[in-house]
């Protein structure tokens, strides 16, 4: 078994894809013509974004929407980067909300956190030495 994709339900797929293109420099793999779903190129594991209303059809009762005014959900997207400060600064410059400035952890990894335009928690981290 392989983890192949992560799907996040968002209010506006196109706006979310544009944000990740700008904030992280990722490339879109595709966006459906009706903008109900889109994916970014992220290597072997892809990130997909589905329109919030799609959860109603896929999951009985739908899902709890992301809410940037509330505490982050118990989930994050984590990206391995060489320069955590540069990734953090670029994301914040593109509209991400800063959560935690870059910090070196006792195990040798440097990490930082932002929230995307939907309130989703995003981590930037160096590889663990």
N, C-alpha and C. Protein backbone atom coordinates (compact mmCIF):
# COMPACT_ATOMS: atom_id res chain seq x y z
N UNK A 1 0.84 -1.17 0.00
CA UNK A 1 0.00 0.00 0.00
C UNK A 1 0.89 1.24 0.00
N UNK A 2 0.48 2.24 -0.77
CA UNK A 2 1.21 3.51 -0.84
C UNK A 2 0.25 4.66 -0.60
N UNK A 3 0.72 5.67 0.11
CA UNK A 3 -0.05 6.90 0.21
C UNK A 3 0.11 7.63 -1.11
N UNK A 4 -0.97 7.78 -1.86
CA UNK A 4 -0.88 8.35 -3.20
C UNK A 4 -1.35 9.80 -3.24
N UNK A 5 -2.39 10.18 -2.46
CA UNK A 5 -2.86 11.55 -2.47
C UNK A 5 -3.52 11.89 -1.15
N UNK A 6 -3.58 13.17 -0.90
CA UNK A 6 -4.32 13.76 0.20
C UNK A 6 -5.32 14.72 -0.43
N UNK A 7 -6.56 14.66 0.03
CA UNK A 7 -7.59 15.55 -0.51
C UNK A 7 -8.11 16.41 0.63
N UNK A 8 -8.16 17.71 0.37
CA UNK A 8 -8.67 18.67 1.34
C UNK A 8 -9.90 19.33 0.71
N UNK A 9 -10.99 19.37 1.47
CA UNK A 9 -12.21 20.03 0.99
C UNK A 9 -12.12 21.52 1.31
N UNK A 10 -12.32 22.34 0.29
CA UNK A 10 -12.15 23.79 0.42
C UNK A 10 -13.32 24.52 -0.24
N UNK A 11 -13.54 25.77 0.15
CA UNK A 11 -14.65 26.51 -0.46
C UNK A 11 -14.42 26.90 -1.92
N UNK A 12 -13.15 27.11 -2.31
CA UNK A 12 -12.86 27.57 -3.67
C UNK A 12 -11.59 26.88 -4.16
N UNK A 13 -11.77 25.86 -5.00
CA UNK A 13 -10.64 25.07 -5.50
C UNK A 13 -9.68 25.92 -6.30
N UNK A 14 -10.18 26.71 -7.23
CA UNK A 14 -9.30 27.51 -8.10
C UNK A 14 -8.47 28.49 -7.28
N UNK A 15 -9.09 29.19 -6.32
CA UNK A 15 -8.35 30.14 -5.48
C UNK A 15 -7.30 29.42 -4.64
N UNK A 16 -7.62 28.23 -4.17
CA UNK A 16 -6.66 27.46 -3.36
C UNK A 16 -5.47 27.01 -4.21
N UNK A 17 -5.74 26.54 -5.40
CA UNK A 17 -4.65 26.13 -6.31
C UNK A 17 -3.76 27.34 -6.61
N UNK A 18 -4.36 28.48 -6.92
CA UNK A 18 -3.57 29.69 -7.21
C UNK A 18 -2.71 30.08 -6.00
N UNK A 19 -3.29 29.98 -4.80
CA UNK A 19 -2.54 30.30 -3.59
C UNK A 19 -1.30 29.41 -3.48
N UNK A 20 -1.45 28.12 -3.64
CA UNK A 20 -0.31 27.20 -3.49
C UNK A 20 0.72 27.39 -4.61
N UNK A 21 0.27 27.77 -5.78
CA UNK A 21 1.21 28.09 -6.85
C UNK A 21 2.06 29.30 -6.45
N UNK A 22 1.42 30.32 -5.93
CA UNK A 22 2.11 31.55 -5.54
C UNK A 22 2.92 31.38 -4.25
N UNK A 23 2.30 30.80 -3.24
CA UNK A 23 2.92 30.73 -1.91
C UNK A 23 4.02 29.69 -1.81
N UNK A 24 3.89 28.58 -2.54
CA UNK A 24 4.87 27.51 -2.43
C UNK A 24 5.62 27.23 -3.73
N UNK A 25 5.17 27.84 -4.82
CA UNK A 25 5.83 27.60 -6.10
C UNK A 25 5.48 26.25 -6.71
N UNK A 26 4.38 25.64 -6.26
CA UNK A 26 3.96 24.35 -6.81
C UNK A 26 3.27 24.57 -8.15
N UNK A 27 3.24 23.51 -8.96
CA UNK A 27 2.58 23.57 -10.26
C UNK A 27 1.28 22.78 -10.21
N UNK A 28 0.28 23.31 -10.88
CA UNK A 28 -0.99 22.58 -10.94
C UNK A 28 -0.83 21.38 -11.86
N UNK A 29 -1.36 20.27 -11.43
CA UNK A 29 -1.42 19.08 -12.26
C UNK A 29 -2.63 19.19 -13.16
N UNK A 30 -3.76 19.56 -12.57
CA UNK A 30 -4.96 19.88 -13.34
C UNK A 30 -6.02 20.46 -12.41
N UNK A 31 -6.97 21.13 -13.01
CA UNK A 31 -8.18 21.58 -12.32
C UNK A 31 -9.34 21.20 -13.23
N UNK A 32 -10.34 20.53 -12.66
CA UNK A 32 -11.50 20.10 -13.44
C UNK A 32 -12.18 21.32 -14.07
N UNK A 33 -12.77 21.11 -15.21
CA UNK A 33 -13.42 22.20 -15.94
C UNK A 33 -14.44 22.95 -15.08
N UNK A 34 -15.16 22.21 -14.22
CA UNK A 34 -16.16 22.85 -13.37
C UNK A 34 -15.56 23.33 -12.04
N UNK A 35 -14.26 23.25 -11.90
CA UNK A 35 -13.47 23.65 -10.72
C UNK A 35 -13.90 22.97 -9.42
N UNK A 36 -14.48 21.78 -9.53
CA UNK A 36 -14.87 21.04 -8.33
C UNK A 36 -13.71 20.26 -7.73
N UNK A 37 -12.62 20.11 -8.50
CA UNK A 37 -11.47 19.34 -8.01
C UNK A 37 -10.22 19.80 -8.75
N UNK A 38 -9.10 19.78 -8.04
CA UNK A 38 -7.82 20.10 -8.66
C UNK A 38 -6.70 19.44 -7.89
N UNK A 39 -5.56 19.26 -8.56
CA UNK A 39 -4.38 18.67 -7.93
C UNK A 39 -3.15 19.48 -8.25
N UNK A 40 -2.18 19.40 -7.34
CA UNK A 40 -0.87 20.02 -7.51
C UNK A 40 0.18 18.94 -7.71
N UNK A 41 1.23 19.27 -8.45
CA UNK A 41 2.37 18.38 -8.60
C UNK A 41 3.22 18.48 -7.33
N UNK A 42 3.34 17.38 -6.62
CA UNK A 42 4.12 17.38 -5.38
C UNK A 42 4.95 16.10 -5.24
N UNK A 43 5.30 15.49 -6.35
CA UNK A 43 6.08 14.25 -6.28
C UNK A 43 5.17 13.04 -6.29
N UNK A 44 5.60 11.98 -5.61
CA UNK A 44 4.85 10.73 -5.61
C UNK A 44 3.49 10.84 -4.93
N UNK A 45 3.39 11.68 -3.92
CA UNK A 45 2.12 11.87 -3.21
C UNK A 45 1.55 13.21 -3.63
N UNK A 46 0.33 13.20 -4.14
CA UNK A 46 -0.28 14.43 -4.63
C UNK A 46 -1.20 15.05 -3.60
N UNK A 47 -1.36 16.35 -3.72
CA UNK A 47 -2.35 17.07 -2.92
C UNK A 47 -3.49 17.43 -3.85
N UNK A 48 -4.69 17.03 -3.44
CA UNK A 48 -5.88 17.36 -4.19
C UNK A 48 -6.77 18.27 -3.36
N UNK A 49 -7.50 19.12 -4.02
CA UNK A 49 -8.47 20.00 -3.37
C UNK A 49 -9.81 19.77 -4.04
N UNK A 50 -10.81 19.48 -3.22
CA UNK A 50 -12.16 19.26 -3.73
C UNK A 50 -13.07 20.33 -3.16
N UNK A 51 -14.05 20.72 -3.94
CA UNK A 51 -15.02 21.71 -3.49
C UNK A 51 -15.76 21.16 -2.27
N UNK A 52 -15.98 22.03 -1.30
CA UNK A 52 -16.63 21.64 -0.05
C UNK A 52 -17.90 20.84 -0.30
N UNK A 53 -18.72 21.25 -1.26
CA UNK A 53 -19.99 20.57 -1.52
C UNK A 53 -19.79 19.13 -2.00
N UNK A 54 -18.61 18.81 -2.52
CA UNK A 54 -18.33 17.44 -2.97
C UNK A 54 -18.32 16.46 -1.81
N UNK A 55 -18.01 16.94 -0.61
CA UNK A 55 -17.98 16.04 0.55
C UNK A 55 -19.38 15.50 0.86
N UNK A 56 -20.41 16.27 0.55
CA UNK A 56 -21.77 15.82 0.82
C UNK A 56 -22.12 14.58 -0.01
N UNK A 57 -21.60 14.51 -1.23
CA UNK A 57 -21.87 13.37 -2.10
C UNK A 57 -20.99 12.18 -1.73
N UNK A 58 -19.79 12.44 -1.25
CA UNK A 58 -18.84 11.37 -0.97
C UNK A 58 -18.98 10.77 0.42
N UNK A 59 -19.41 11.59 1.37
CA UNK A 59 -19.42 11.19 2.78
C UNK A 59 -20.77 11.53 3.38
N UNK A 60 -21.42 10.54 3.95
CA UNK A 60 -22.73 10.78 4.56
C UNK A 60 -22.61 11.87 5.62
N UNK A 61 -23.30 12.98 5.43
CA UNK A 61 -23.23 14.10 6.37
C UNK A 61 -22.14 15.10 6.05
N UNK A 62 -21.32 14.84 5.03
CA UNK A 62 -20.25 15.76 4.66
C UNK A 62 -19.14 15.82 5.69
N UNK A 63 -18.35 16.86 5.64
CA UNK A 63 -17.23 17.06 6.56
C UNK A 63 -17.35 18.43 7.22
N UNK A 64 -16.65 18.61 8.31
CA UNK A 64 -16.61 19.91 8.97
C UNK A 64 -15.75 20.84 8.13
N UNK A 65 -16.28 21.97 7.70
CA UNK A 65 -15.50 22.89 6.87
C UNK A 65 -14.31 23.47 7.62
N UNK A 66 -13.25 23.77 6.88
CA UNK A 66 -12.13 24.52 7.44
C UNK A 66 -12.63 25.91 7.82
N UNK A 67 -12.09 26.46 8.89
CA UNK A 67 -12.50 27.78 9.34
C UNK A 67 -11.27 28.51 9.87
N UNK A 68 -10.80 29.49 9.12
CA UNK A 68 -9.58 30.21 9.49
C UNK A 68 -9.74 31.00 10.78
N UNK A 69 -10.98 31.23 11.22
CA UNK A 69 -11.18 31.98 12.46
C UNK A 69 -11.14 31.09 13.70
N UNK A 70 -11.10 29.79 13.49
CA UNK A 70 -11.04 28.82 14.59
C UNK A 70 -9.63 28.25 14.71
N UNK A 71 -9.39 27.50 15.79
CA UNK A 71 -8.11 26.79 15.91
C UNK A 71 -7.94 25.86 14.72
N UNK A 72 -6.71 25.60 14.31
CA UNK A 72 -6.50 24.70 13.17
C UNK A 72 -7.07 23.31 13.43
N UNK A 73 -7.49 22.66 12.36
CA UNK A 73 -7.92 21.26 12.43
C UNK A 73 -6.73 20.41 12.87
N UNK A 74 -6.99 19.18 13.28
CA UNK A 74 -5.94 18.27 13.73
C UNK A 74 -5.31 17.57 12.53
N UNK A 75 -4.82 18.38 11.59
CA UNK A 75 -4.24 17.87 10.36
C UNK A 75 -3.34 18.97 9.79
N UNK A 76 -2.27 18.57 9.15
CA UNK A 76 -1.41 19.55 8.47
C UNK A 76 -0.87 18.97 7.19
N UNK A 77 -0.51 19.85 6.27
CA UNK A 77 0.26 19.46 5.09
C UNK A 77 1.71 19.79 5.41
N UNK A 78 2.59 18.83 5.27
CA UNK A 78 4.01 19.04 5.58
C UNK A 78 4.85 18.98 4.32
N UNK A 79 5.72 19.98 4.16
CA UNK A 79 6.58 20.06 2.99
C UNK A 79 8.04 20.07 3.42
N UNK A 80 8.84 19.21 2.82
CA UNK A 80 10.28 19.20 3.05
C UNK A 80 10.91 20.29 2.19
N UNK A 81 11.67 21.16 2.83
CA UNK A 81 12.33 22.26 2.13
C UNK A 81 13.76 22.38 2.64
N UNK A 82 14.64 22.95 1.82
CA UNK A 82 16.02 23.19 2.23
C UNK A 82 16.13 24.45 3.07
N UNK A 83 15.34 25.47 2.72
CA UNK A 83 15.42 26.76 3.40
C UNK A 83 14.05 27.09 4.00
N UNK A 84 13.88 26.77 5.27
CA UNK A 84 12.60 26.96 5.95
C UNK A 84 12.22 28.43 6.02
N UNK A 85 13.19 29.28 6.32
CA UNK A 85 12.89 30.72 6.42
C UNK A 85 12.39 31.27 5.09
N UNK A 86 13.03 30.89 4.00
CA UNK A 86 12.60 31.37 2.67
C UNK A 86 11.19 30.87 2.33
N UNK A 87 10.90 29.60 2.64
CA UNK A 87 9.57 29.06 2.36
C UNK A 87 8.52 29.76 3.21
N UNK A 88 8.83 29.99 4.48
CA UNK A 88 7.92 30.69 5.40
C UNK A 88 7.66 32.10 4.89
N UNK A 89 8.71 32.83 4.55
CA UNK A 89 8.56 34.21 4.08
C UNK A 89 7.75 34.29 2.79
N UNK A 90 8.01 33.37 1.86
CA UNK A 90 7.28 33.37 0.59
C UNK A 90 5.79 33.12 0.83
N UNK A 91 5.47 32.15 1.69
CA UNK A 91 4.08 31.82 1.97
C UNK A 91 3.36 32.99 2.63
N UNK A 92 4.00 33.60 3.62
CA UNK A 92 3.39 34.74 4.31
C UNK A 92 3.21 35.90 3.33
N UNK A 93 4.18 36.11 2.47
CA UNK A 93 4.08 37.17 1.47
C UNK A 93 2.95 36.95 0.48
N UNK A 94 2.55 35.68 0.30
CA UNK A 94 1.47 35.35 -0.63
C UNK A 94 0.11 35.28 0.06
N UNK A 95 0.08 35.58 1.36
CA UNK A 95 -1.20 35.63 2.04
C UNK A 95 -1.43 34.59 3.12
N UNK A 96 -0.44 33.72 3.38
CA UNK A 96 -0.59 32.75 4.47
C UNK A 96 -0.48 33.49 5.81
N UNK A 97 -1.17 32.98 6.80
CA UNK A 97 -1.09 33.55 8.14
C UNK A 97 0.04 32.87 8.91
N UNK A 98 0.99 33.65 9.43
CA UNK A 98 2.09 33.03 10.18
C UNK A 98 1.58 32.40 11.48
N UNK A 99 2.09 31.24 11.81
CA UNK A 99 1.72 30.54 13.05
C UNK A 99 2.94 30.41 13.95
N UNK A 100 4.02 29.83 13.42
CA UNK A 100 5.26 29.66 14.18
C UNK A 100 6.45 29.95 13.28
N UNK A 101 7.29 30.89 13.70
CA UNK A 101 8.51 31.21 12.96
C UNK A 101 9.43 29.99 12.92
N UNK A 102 10.36 29.95 11.97
CA UNK A 102 11.29 28.82 11.91
C UNK A 102 12.02 28.63 13.23
N UNK A 103 12.11 27.35 13.63
CA UNK A 103 12.75 27.00 14.89
C UNK A 103 13.47 25.67 14.73
N UNK A 104 14.70 25.61 15.22
CA UNK A 104 15.44 24.35 15.19
C UNK A 104 15.00 23.50 16.38
N UNK A 105 14.60 22.27 16.09
CA UNK A 105 14.11 21.35 17.11
C UNK A 105 15.26 20.54 17.70
N UNK A 106 15.09 19.97 18.89
CA UNK A 106 16.16 19.19 19.53
C UNK A 106 16.65 18.02 18.68
N UNK A 107 15.82 17.49 17.80
CA UNK A 107 16.23 16.37 16.96
C UNK A 107 16.93 16.82 15.68
N UNK A 108 17.19 18.14 15.56
CA UNK A 108 18.00 18.65 14.45
C UNK A 108 17.23 19.21 13.28
N UNK A 109 15.94 19.07 13.26
CA UNK A 109 15.12 19.56 12.16
C UNK A 109 14.70 21.00 12.43
N UNK A 110 14.65 21.82 11.38
CA UNK A 110 14.11 23.17 11.48
C UNK A 110 12.71 23.15 10.89
N UNK A 111 11.73 23.73 11.63
CA UNK A 111 10.34 23.72 11.18
C UNK A 111 9.70 25.09 11.38
N UNK A 112 8.69 25.37 10.60
CA UNK A 112 7.87 26.58 10.73
C UNK A 112 6.46 26.22 10.28
N UNK A 113 5.49 27.01 10.76
CA UNK A 113 4.09 26.75 10.43
C UNK A 113 3.39 28.02 9.97
N UNK A 114 2.51 27.84 8.98
CA UNK A 114 1.61 28.89 8.52
C UNK A 114 0.23 28.26 8.36
N UNK A 115 -0.77 29.12 8.16
CA UNK A 115 -2.10 28.64 7.78
C UNK A 115 -2.40 29.18 6.39
N UNK A 116 -2.92 28.33 5.53
CA UNK A 116 -3.23 28.76 4.17
C UNK A 116 -4.49 29.63 4.16
N UNK A 117 -4.95 30.01 2.98
CA UNK A 117 -6.09 30.92 2.87
C UNK A 117 -7.39 30.31 3.38
N UNK A 118 -7.42 29.00 3.58
CA UNK A 118 -8.60 28.32 4.10
C UNK A 118 -8.48 28.03 5.59
N UNK A 119 -7.33 28.33 6.18
CA UNK A 119 -7.10 28.04 7.59
C UNK A 119 -6.39 26.72 7.83
N UNK A 120 -6.02 26.01 6.77
CA UNK A 120 -5.32 24.73 6.90
C UNK A 120 -3.89 24.96 7.38
N UNK A 121 -3.45 24.16 8.33
CA UNK A 121 -2.10 24.25 8.86
C UNK A 121 -1.11 23.66 7.85
N UNK A 122 -0.04 24.40 7.59
CA UNK A 122 1.00 23.97 6.65
C UNK A 122 2.35 24.06 7.37
N UNK A 123 3.12 22.97 7.30
CA UNK A 123 4.45 22.93 7.92
C UNK A 123 5.52 22.93 6.85
N UNK A 124 6.58 23.68 7.10
CA UNK A 124 7.79 23.62 6.30
C UNK A 124 8.87 23.05 7.20
N UNK A 125 9.59 22.04 6.73
CA UNK A 125 10.62 21.45 7.56
C UNK A 125 11.78 20.92 6.74
N UNK A 126 12.95 20.99 7.34
CA UNK A 126 14.10 20.37 6.73
C UNK A 126 14.01 18.87 6.98
N UNK A 127 14.75 18.10 6.21
CA UNK A 127 14.81 16.67 6.47
C UNK A 127 15.47 16.46 7.83
N UNK A 128 15.07 15.41 8.50
CA UNK A 128 15.68 15.08 9.79
C UNK A 128 17.05 14.48 9.52
N UNK A 129 18.09 15.07 10.15
CA UNK A 129 19.46 14.60 9.86
C UNK A 129 19.66 13.13 10.29
